[in-house]
Amino acid sequence: MKKIKIGAVSYLNTKPLMYGMQSEEFLKDHELIPDYPAKVAEMLKNGTVDVGLVPVALLTELPGYYIVSDYGIAADEDVASVCLFSEVPVDKLKTVYLDYQSRTSVALFKVLTKELWGIEPVLIDAKDESYLTKIHGTTGAVIIGDRALEARRTSTYVYDLAGEWRSMTGLPFVFAAWVSLKPMSEEWIKQFNAANAEGFKHIDEIAEQQKYPIYDLKKYYTVNINYLIDDEKKKGLKKFLEFLSV
């Protein structure tokens, strides 16, 4: 039988979700294809993968979709790894580079500039990693993922986008969800949820395996990120999609 292809994000924040998908039993019927979020979104759209952990901003571009798991990447407060970095306060920024790796983080930043901060900086879409060196003076940058955890150590100002969203809306924020373009069976969804959940029995082990001195990964996995997409997360997601549809 043809294996189901899973587009998986290759960041530290997905390690708990991916833990149970490394088993021989799961891989009998599935193929994991890791990449950064925006690339996984492209693969889902063009049919390279059957299911992808995709930035939720992609949902506005799809004629139809199915969220096929109770798990994803979300935050109740500060997420730590999706931030605006600068040498000056946000209201002094004139130019901001935008990370090329995630549509949702960029879309969230644009919502915050208009609805919360009331600023209109020049926005530049980054094309590669060279933009990480451009933070200087009145030029800032939106950085996501592991690179953001590293930038937290040196940046003068750090604006956590999930925390800023919470202060504006009072709601949690959903960054990514497991999505398919066609319905998956209830049996498969049950199996997939179980695979997602397995890693949360092994958080200490997963954090230790990464050997990552830059940030406390146990805190990252248990405080900063909330992986269960509950009703409050769904409200936050609905609110965000409403902003994008205006």
C-alpha atoms as a PDB file:
ATOM      1  CA  MET A   1       0.000   0.000   0.000  1.00  0.00           C
ATOM      2  CA  LYS A   2       1.210   3.512  -0.822  1.00  0.00           C
ATOM      3  CA  LYS A   3       2.673   5.313   2.186  1.00  0.00           C
ATOM      4  CA  ILE A   4       1.047   8.484   3.477  1.00  0.00           C
ATOM      5  CA  LYS A   5       3.507  11.362   3.095  1.00  0.00           C
ATOM      6  CA  ILE A   6       3.818  13.674   6.098  1.00  0.00           C
ATOM      7  CA  GLY A   7       5.288  17.166   5.702  1.00  0.00           C
ATOM      8  CA  ALA A   8       7.041  17.761   9.029  1.00  0.00           C
ATOM      9  CA  VAL A   9       8.767  20.917  10.229  1.00  0.00           C
ATOM     10  CA  SER A  10      12.426  20.486  11.145  1.00  0.00           C
ATOM     11  CA  TYR A  11      12.613  22.825  14.161  1.00  0.00           C
ATOM     12  CA  LEU A  12      13.264  22.218  17.834  1.00  0.00           C
ATOM     13  CA  ASN A  13       9.642  23.062  18.593  1.00  0.00           C
ATOM     14  CA  THR A  14       8.350  20.025  16.696  1.00  0.00           C
ATOM     15  CA  LYS A  15      10.530  17.437  18.443  1.00  0.00           C
ATOM     16  CA  PRO A  16       7.793  16.358  20.899  1.00  0.00           C
ATOM     17  CA  LEU A  17       5.286  15.939  18.060  1.00  0.00           C
ATOM     18  CA  MET A  18       7.712  13.996  15.904  1.00  0.00           C
ATOM     19  CA  TYR A  19       8.938  11.644  18.649  1.00  0.00           C
ATOM     20  CA  GLY A  20       6.169   9.100  18.153  1.00  0.00           C
ATOM     21  CA  MET A  21       6.463   9.301  14.388  1.00  0.00           C
ATOM     22  CA  GLN A  22      10.005   7.911  14.444  1.00  0.00           C
ATOM     23  CA  SER A  23       8.815   4.440  15.438  1.00  0.00           C
ATOM     24  CA  GLU A  24       9.139   1.545  13.025  1.00  0.00           C
ATOM     25  CA  GLU A  25       5.427   0.855  13.397  1.00  0.00           C
ATOM     26  CA  PHE A  26       4.453   4.373  12.285  1.00  0.00           C
ATOM     27  CA  LEU A  27       6.987   4.461   9.456  1.00  0.00           C
ATOM     28  CA  LYS A  28       5.591   1.245   7.970  1.00  0.00           C
ATOM     29  CA  ASP A  29       2.698   3.274   6.576  1.00  0.00           C
ATOM     30  CA  HIS A  30       4.124   6.815   6.563  1.00  0.00           C
ATOM     31  CA  GLU A  31       7.011   8.745   5.037  1.00  0.00           C
ATOM     32  CA  LEU A  32       8.286  11.849   6.837  1.00  0.00           C
ATOM     33  CA  ILE A  33       9.440  14.760   4.677  1.00  0.00           C
ATOM     34  CA  PRO A  34      10.948  17.503   6.886  1.00  0.00           C
ATOM     35  CA  ASP A  35      11.451  21.140   5.874  1.00  0.00           C
ATOM     36  CA  TYR A  36      10.777  24.666   7.155  1.00  0.00           C
ATOM     37  CA  PRO A  37       7.110  25.766   7.535  1.00  0.00           C
ATOM     38  CA  ALA A  38       6.617  27.767   4.336  1.00  0.00           C
ATOM     39  CA  LYS A  39       8.176  24.945   2.309  1.00  0.00           C
ATOM     40  CA  VAL A  40       5.885  22.369   3.921  1.00  0.00           C
ATOM     41  CA  ALA A  41       2.956  24.618   2.988  1.00  0.00           C
ATOM     42  CA  GLU A  42       4.102  24.608  -0.647  1.00  0.00           C
ATOM     43  CA  MET A  43       4.419  20.809  -0.591  1.00  0.00           C
ATOM     44  CA  LEU A  44       0.874  20.427   0.720  1.00  0.00           C
ATOM     45  CA  LYS A  45      -0.521  22.783  -1.921  1.00  0.00           C
ATOM     46  CA  ASN A  46       1.229  21.018  -4.797  1.00  0.00           C
ATOM     47  CA  GLY A  47       0.448  17.515  -3.549  1.00  0.00           C
ATOM     48  CA  THR A  48       3.976  16.459  -2.638  1.00  0.00           C
ATOM     49  CA  VAL A  49       2.689  15.538   0.827  1.00  0.00           C
ATOM     50  CA  ASP A  50      -0.711  14.266   1.968  1.00  0.00           C
ATOM     51  CA  VAL A  51      -0.630  15.917   5.391  1.00  0.00           C
ATOM     52  CA  GLY A  52       1.494  18.843   6.534  1.00  0.00           C
ATOM     53  CA  LEU A  53       2.231  20.804   9.679  1.00  0.00           C
ATOM     54  CA  VAL A  54       1.568  24.129   7.998  1.00  0.00           C
ATOM     55  CA  PRO A  55       1.455  27.808   9.010  1.00  0.00           C
ATOM     56  CA  VAL A  56      -2.212  28.619   9.627  1.00  0.00           C
ATOM     57  CA  ALA A  57      -2.037  31.684   7.376  1.00  0.00           C
ATOM     58  CA  LEU A  58      -2.037  29.178   4.508  1.00  0.00           C
ATOM     59  CA  LEU A  59      -5.632  28.266   5.304  1.00  0.00           C
ATOM     60  CA  THR A  60      -6.887  31.485   3.716  1.00  0.00           C
ATOM     61  CA  GLU A  61      -5.379  30.361   0.390  1.00  0.00           C
ATOM     62  CA  LEU A  62      -6.960  26.905   0.264  1.00  0.00           C
ATOM     63  CA  PRO A  63     -10.332  26.268  -1.391  1.00  0.00           C
ATOM     64  CA  GLY A  64     -10.919  23.506   1.124  1.00  0.00           C
ATOM     65  CA  TYR A  65      -8.942  21.863   3.908  1.00  0.00           C
ATOM     66  CA  TYR A  66      -9.166  19.558   6.908  1.00  0.00           C
ATOM     67  CA  ILE A  67      -7.439  20.003  10.270  1.00  0.00           C
ATOM     68  CA  VAL A  68      -6.653  16.365  11.006  1.00  0.00           C
ATOM     69  CA  SER A  69      -5.178  16.381  14.504  1.00  0.00           C
ATOM     70  CA  ASP A  70      -5.841  17.709  17.986  1.00  0.00           C
ATOM     71  CA  TYR A  71      -2.183  18.796  18.076  1.00  0.00           C
ATOM     72  CA  GLY A  72      -0.222  21.650  16.541  1.00  0.00           C
ATOM     73  CA  ILE A  73       2.072  24.525  17.493  1.00  0.00           C
ATOM     74  CA  ALA A  74       0.411  27.152  19.693  1.00  0.00           C
ATOM     75  CA  ALA A  75       1.097  29.419  22.650  1.00  0.00           C
ATOM     76  CA  ASP A  76      -0.968  30.736  25.536  1.00  0.00           C
ATOM     77  CA  GLU A  77       1.510  33.542  26.263  1.00  0.00           C
ATOM     78  CA  ASP A  78       5.092  34.180  25.021  1.00  0.00           C
ATOM     79  CA  VAL A  79       6.239  31.505  22.577  1.00  0.00           C
ATOM     80  CA  ALA A  80       9.933  32.581  22.724  1.00  0.00           C
ATOM     81  CA  SER A  81      10.786  31.553  19.159  1.00  0.00           C
ATOM     82  CA  VAL A  82       8.693  33.998  17.092  1.00  0.00           C
ATOM     83  CA  CYS A  83       9.828  37.548  17.778  1.00  0.00           C
ATOM     84  CA  LEU A  84      10.555  40.998  16.445  1.00  0.00           C
ATOM     85  CA  PHE A  85      14.148  41.972  17.251  1.00  0.00           C
ATOM     86  CA  SER A  86      15.534  45.499  17.187  1.00  0.00           C
ATOM     87  CA  GLU A  87      17.948  47.992  18.721  1.00  0.00           C
ATOM     88  CA  VAL A  88      15.183  50.572  19.230  1.00  0.00           C
ATOM     89  CA  PRO A  89      11.604  50.512  20.575  1.00  0.00           C
ATOM     90  CA  VAL A  90       8.991  49.275  18.121  1.00  0.00           C
ATOM     91  CA  ASP A  91       7.572  52.767  17.514  1.00  0.00           C
ATOM     92  CA  LYS A  92      11.000  53.940  16.301  1.00  0.00           C
ATOM     93  CA  LEU A  93      11.407  51.275  13.636  1.00  0.00           C
ATOM     94  CA  LYS A  94      11.569  52.474  10.037  1.00  0.00           C
ATOM     95  CA  THR A  95      12.402  49.186   8.304  1.00  0.00           C
ATOM     96  CA  VAL A  96      11.670  45.564   9.190  1.00  0.00           C
ATOM     97  CA  TYR A  97      12.961  42.437   7.479  1.00  0.00           C
ATOM     98  CA  LEU A  98      10.484  39.537   7.404  1.00  0.00           C
ATOM     99  CA  ASP A  99      11.529  35.930   7.898  1.00  0.00           C
ATOM    100  CA  TYR A 100      11.077  33.836   4.759  1.00  0.00           C
ATOM    101  CA  GLN A 101      10.450  30.625   6.681  1.00  0.00           C
ATOM    102  CA  SER A 102       6.911  31.197   7.994  1.00  0.00           C
ATOM    103  CA  ARG A 103       3.904  32.932   6.471  1.00  0.00           C
ATOM    104  CA  THR A 104       1.935  32.926   9.725  1.00  0.00           C
ATOM    105  CA  SER A 105       4.568  34.790  11.723  1.00  0.00           C
ATOM    106  CA  VAL A 106       4.845  37.439   9.014  1.00  0.00           C
ATOM    107  CA  ALA A 107       1.061  37.742   8.786  1.00  0.00           C
ATOM    108  CA  LEU A 108       0.813  38.028  12.576  1.00  0.00           C
ATOM    109  CA  PHE A 109       3.454  40.763  12.583  1.00  0.00           C
ATOM    110  CA  LYS A 110       1.497  42.714   9.965  1.00  0.00           C
ATOM    111  CA  VAL A 111      -1.686  42.437  12.044  1.00  0.00           C
ATOM    112  CA  LEU A 112       0.164  43.711  15.115  1.00  0.00           C
ATOM    113  CA  THR A 113       1.720  46.660  13.255  1.00  0.00           C
ATOM    114  CA  LYS A 114      -1.734  47.857  12.262  1.00  0.00           C
ATOM    115  CA  GLU A 115      -3.976  46.820  15.144  1.00  0.00           C
ATOM    116  CA  LEU A 116      -1.680  47.113  18.175  1.00  0.00           C
ATOM    117  CA  TRP A 117       1.363  49.269  17.512  1.00  0.00           C
ATOM    118  CA  GLY A 118      -0.014  51.620  14.856  1.00  0.00           C
ATOM    119  CA  ILE A 119       3.245  51.739  12.892  1.00  0.00           C
ATOM    120  CA  GLU A 120       3.998  51.627   9.170  1.00  0.00           C
ATOM    121  CA  PRO A 121       7.636  50.588   8.676  1.00  0.00           C
ATOM    122  CA  VAL A 122       9.002  49.633   5.281  1.00  0.00           C
ATOM    123  CA  LEU A 123       8.705  45.832   5.065  1.00  0.00           C
ATOM    124  CA  ILE A 124      11.315  43.763   3.242  1.00  0.00           C
ATOM    125  CA  ASP A 125      10.798  40.073   2.493  1.00  0.00           C
ATOM    126  CA  ALA A 126      14.014  38.261   3.361  1.00  0.00           C
ATOM    127  CA  LYS A 127      15.266  35.820   0.748  1.00  0.00           C
ATOM    128  CA  ASP A 128      17.949  34.008   2.725  1.00  0.00           C
ATOM    129  CA  GLU A 129      19.797  34.008   6.041  1.00  0.00           C
ATOM    130  CA  SER A 130      21.767  37.194   5.283  1.00  0.00           C
ATOM    131  CA  TYR A 131      18.938  39.303   6.694  1.00  0.00           C
ATOM    132  CA  LEU A 132      19.874  38.155  10.203  1.00  0.00           C
ATOM    133  CA  THR A 133      22.805  40.582  10.065  1.00  0.00           C
ATOM    134  CA  LYS A 134      20.660  43.584   9.099  1.00  0.00           C
ATOM    135  CA  ILE A 135      19.340  44.437  12.582  1.00  0.00           C
ATOM    136  CA  HIS A 136      20.867  47.831  13.243  1.00  0.00           C
ATOM    137  CA  GLY A 137      19.655  51.289  14.173  1.00  0.00           C
ATOM    138  CA  THR A 138      16.038  51.705  13.108  1.00  0.00           C
ATOM    139  CA  THR A 139      16.032  48.427  11.151  1.00  0.00           C
ATOM    140  CA  GLY A 140      14.571  45.387  12.867  1.00  0.00           C
ATOM    141  CA  ALA A 141      13.687  41.855  11.849  1.00  0.00           C
ATOM    142  CA  VAL A 142      11.074  39.185  12.475  1.00  0.00           C
ATOM    143  CA  ILE A 143      12.886  35.924  13.194  1.00  0.00           C
ATOM    144  CA  ILE A 144      11.348  32.533  13.912  1.00  0.00           C
ATOM    145  CA  GLY A 145      12.422  29.105  15.064  1.00  0.00           C
ATOM    146  CA  ASP A 146      15.778  28.087  16.508  1.00  0.00           C
ATOM    147  CA  ARG A 147      17.421  31.252  15.123  1.00  0.00           C
ATOM    148  CA  ALA A 148      15.024  33.337  17.227  1.00  0.00           C
ATOM    149  CA  LEU A 149      16.046  31.527  20.406  1.00  0.00           C
ATOM    150  CA  GLU A 150      19.645  32.430  19.584  1.00  0.00           C
ATOM    151  CA  ALA A 151      18.805  36.068  18.790  1.00  0.00           C
ATOM    152  CA  ARG A 152      17.136  36.504  22.191  1.00  0.00           C
ATOM    153  CA  ARG A 153      20.589  36.442  23.793  1.00  0.00           C
ATOM    154  CA  THR A 154      21.910  39.501  21.975  1.00  0.00           C
ATOM    155  CA  SER A 155      18.979  41.699  20.889  1.00  0.00           C
ATOM    156  CA  THR A 156      18.313  44.947  22.766  1.00  0.00           C
ATOM    157  CA  TYR A 157      14.538  44.766  22.224  1.00  0.00           C
ATOM    158  CA  VAL A 158      12.584  41.534  21.888  1.00  0.00           C
ATOM    159  CA  TYR A 159       8.859  41.613  21.079  1.00  0.00           C
ATOM    160  CA  ASP A 160       7.350  38.156  21.397  1.00  0.00           C
ATOM    161  CA  LEU A 161       4.589  38.051  18.781  1.00  0.00           C
ATOM    162  CA  ALA A 162       2.453  35.489  20.608  1.00  0.00           C
ATOM    163  CA  GLY A 163       2.639  37.531  23.809  1.00  0.00           C
ATOM    164  CA  GLU A 164       1.749  40.702  21.916  1.00  0.00           C
ATOM    165  CA  TRP A 165      -1.227  38.918  20.337  1.00  0.00           C
ATOM    166  CA  ARG A 166      -2.394  37.803  23.789  1.00  0.00           C
ATOM    167  CA  SER A 167      -2.165  41.368  25.112  1.00  0.00           C
ATOM    168  CA  MET A 168      -4.201  42.625  22.149  1.00  0.00           C
ATOM    169  CA  THR A 169      -6.910  39.947  21.966  1.00  0.00           C
ATOM    170  CA  GLY A 170      -6.847  38.069  25.264  1.00  0.00           C
ATOM    171  CA  LEU A 171      -6.584  34.843  23.245  1.00  0.00           C
ATOM    172  CA  PRO A 172      -3.891  32.226  22.640  1.00  0.00           C
ATOM    173  CA  PHE A 173      -2.278  31.994  19.223  1.00  0.00           C
ATOM    174  CA  VAL A 174      -2.036  29.021  16.872  1.00  0.00           C
ATOM    175  CA  PHE A 175       1.010  29.060  14.605  1.00  0.00           C
ATOM    176  CA  ALA A 176       0.684  25.738  12.799  1.00  0.00           C
ATOM    177  CA  ALA A 177      -1.786  22.880  12.426  1.00  0.00           C
ATOM    178  CA  TRP A 178      -1.765  19.459  10.808  1.00  0.00           C
ATOM    179  CA  VAL A 179      -3.750  19.899   7.603  1.00  0.00           C
ATOM    180  CA  SER A 180      -4.791  17.759   4.655  1.00  0.00           C
ATOM    181  CA  LEU A 181      -6.599  18.688   1.451  1.00  0.00           C
ATOM    182  CA  LYS A 182      -8.778  15.597   1.567  1.00  0.00           C
ATOM    183  CA  PRO A 183     -10.579  13.902   4.473  1.00  0.00           C
ATOM    184  CA  MET A 184      -8.661  11.306   6.465  1.00  0.00           C
ATOM    185  CA  SER A 185     -10.376   8.339   8.112  1.00  0.00           C
ATOM    186  CA  GLU A 186     -11.336   8.467  11.787  1.00  0.00           C
ATOM    187  CA  GLU A 187      -9.113   5.435  12.365  1.00  0.00           C
ATOM    188  CA  TRP A 188      -6.129   7.211  10.841  1.00  0.00           C
ATOM    189  CA  ILE A 189      -6.784  10.419  12.830  1.00  0.00           C
ATOM    190  CA  LYS A 190      -6.882   8.377  16.042  1.00  0.00           C
ATOM    191  CA  GLN A 191      -3.555   6.753  15.138  1.00  0.00           C
ATOM    192  CA  PHE A 192      -2.038  10.100  14.171  1.00  0.00           C
ATOM    193  CA  ASN A 193      -3.155  11.784  17.394  1.00  0.00           C
ATOM    194  CA  ALA A 194      -1.574   8.935  19.355  1.00  0.00           C
ATOM    195  CA  ALA A 195       1.701   9.422  17.482  1.00  0.00           C
ATOM    196  CA  ASN A 196       1.622  13.164  18.239  1.00  0.00           C
ATOM    197  CA  ALA A 197       0.887  12.529  21.910  1.00  0.00           C
ATOM    198  CA  GLU A 198       3.647   9.975  22.499  1.00  0.00           C
ATOM    199  CA  GLY A 199       6.433  12.543  22.849  1.00  0.00           C
ATOM    200  CA  PHE A 200       4.784  14.258  25.790  1.00  0.00           C
ATOM    201  CA  LYS A 201       5.525  11.179  27.892  1.00  0.00           C
ATOM    202  CA  HIS A 202       9.223  11.762  27.195  1.00  0.00           C
ATOM    203  CA  ILE A 203       9.747  15.537  27.469  1.00  0.00           C
ATOM    204  CA  ASP A 204      12.782  15.294  29.769  1.00  0.00           C
ATOM    205  CA  GLU A 205      14.424  12.826  27.404  1.00  0.00           C
ATOM    206  CA  ILE A 206      13.660  14.912  24.313  1.00  0.00           C
ATOM    207  CA  ALA A 207      14.989  18.112  25.899  1.00  0.00           C
ATOM    208  CA  GLU A 208      18.150  16.338  26.999  1.00  0.00           C
ATOM    209  CA  GLN A 209      18.749  14.761  23.578  1.00  0.00           C
ATOM    210  CA  GLN A 210      18.999  18.137  21.844  1.00  0.00           C
ATOM    211  CA  LYS A 211      22.067  19.299  23.832  1.00  0.00           C
ATOM    212  CA  TYR A 212      20.930  22.892  23.373  1.00  0.00           C
ATOM    213  CA  PRO A 213      22.605  25.286  25.858  1.00  0.00           C
ATOM    214  CA  ILE A 214      21.070  28.447  24.365  1.00  0.00           C
ATOM    215  CA  TYR A 215      17.589  28.022  25.853  1.00  0.00           C
ATOM    216  CA  ASP A 216      15.890  25.836  28.478  1.00  0.00           C
ATOM    217  CA  LEU A 217      14.121  23.362  26.225  1.00  0.00           C
ATOM    218  CA  LYS A 218      12.016  21.830  28.983  1.00  0.00           C
ATOM    219  CA  LYS A 219      10.581  25.300  29.611  1.00  0.00           C
ATOM    220  CA  TYR A 220      10.171  25.760  25.869  1.00  0.00           C
ATOM    221  CA  TYR A 221       8.227  22.491  25.520  1.00  0.00           C
ATOM    222  CA  THR A 222       6.083  22.829  28.648  1.00  0.00           C
ATOM    223  CA  VAL A 223       5.619  26.588  29.197  1.00  0.00           C
ATOM    224  CA  ASN A 224       6.225  28.520  25.973  1.00  0.00           C
ATOM    225  CA  ILE A 225       4.519  26.115  23.582  1.00  0.00           C
ATOM    226  CA  ASN A 226       1.113  24.553  24.113  1.00  0.00           C
ATOM    227  CA  TYR A 227       0.616  21.727  21.642  1.00  0.00           C
ATOM    228  CA  LEU A 228      -3.024  20.834  22.242  1.00  0.00           C
ATOM    229  CA  ILE A 229      -5.450  22.730  20.006  1.00  0.00           C
ATOM    230  CA  ASP A 230      -8.315  23.137  22.460  1.00  0.00           C
ATOM    231  CA  ASP A 231     -11.409  25.335  22.220  1.00  0.00           C
ATOM    232  CA  GLU A 232      -9.561  28.504  23.319  1.00  0.00           C
ATOM    233  CA  LYS A 233      -6.909  27.915  20.662  1.00  0.00           C
ATOM    234  CA  LYS A 234      -9.640  27.490  18.075  1.00  0.00           C
ATOM    235  CA  LYS A 235     -11.109  30.842  19.126  1.00  0.00           C
ATOM    236  CA  GLY A 236      -7.687  32.444  18.715  1.00  0.00           C
ATOM    237  CA  LEU A 237      -7.270  30.828  15.309  1.00  0.00           C
ATOM    238  CA  LYS A 238     -10.717  32.007  14.198  1.00  0.00           C
ATOM    239  CA  LYS A 239      -9.903  35.558  15.313  1.00  0.00           C
ATOM    240  CA  PHE A 240      -6.605  35.554  13.423  1.00  0.00           C
ATOM    241  CA  LEU A 241      -8.213  34.282  10.222  1.00  0.00           C
ATOM    242  CA  GLU A 242     -10.831  37.011  10.547  1.00  0.00           C
ATOM    243  CA  PHE A 243      -8.063  39.630  10.594  1.00  0.00           C
ATOM    244  CA  LEU A 244      -6.535  38.080   7.489  1.00  0.00           C
ATOM    245  CA  SER A 245      -9.831  38.086   5.616  1.00  0.00           C
ATOM    246  CA  VAL A 246     -10.368  41.851   6.013  1.00  0.00           C
END
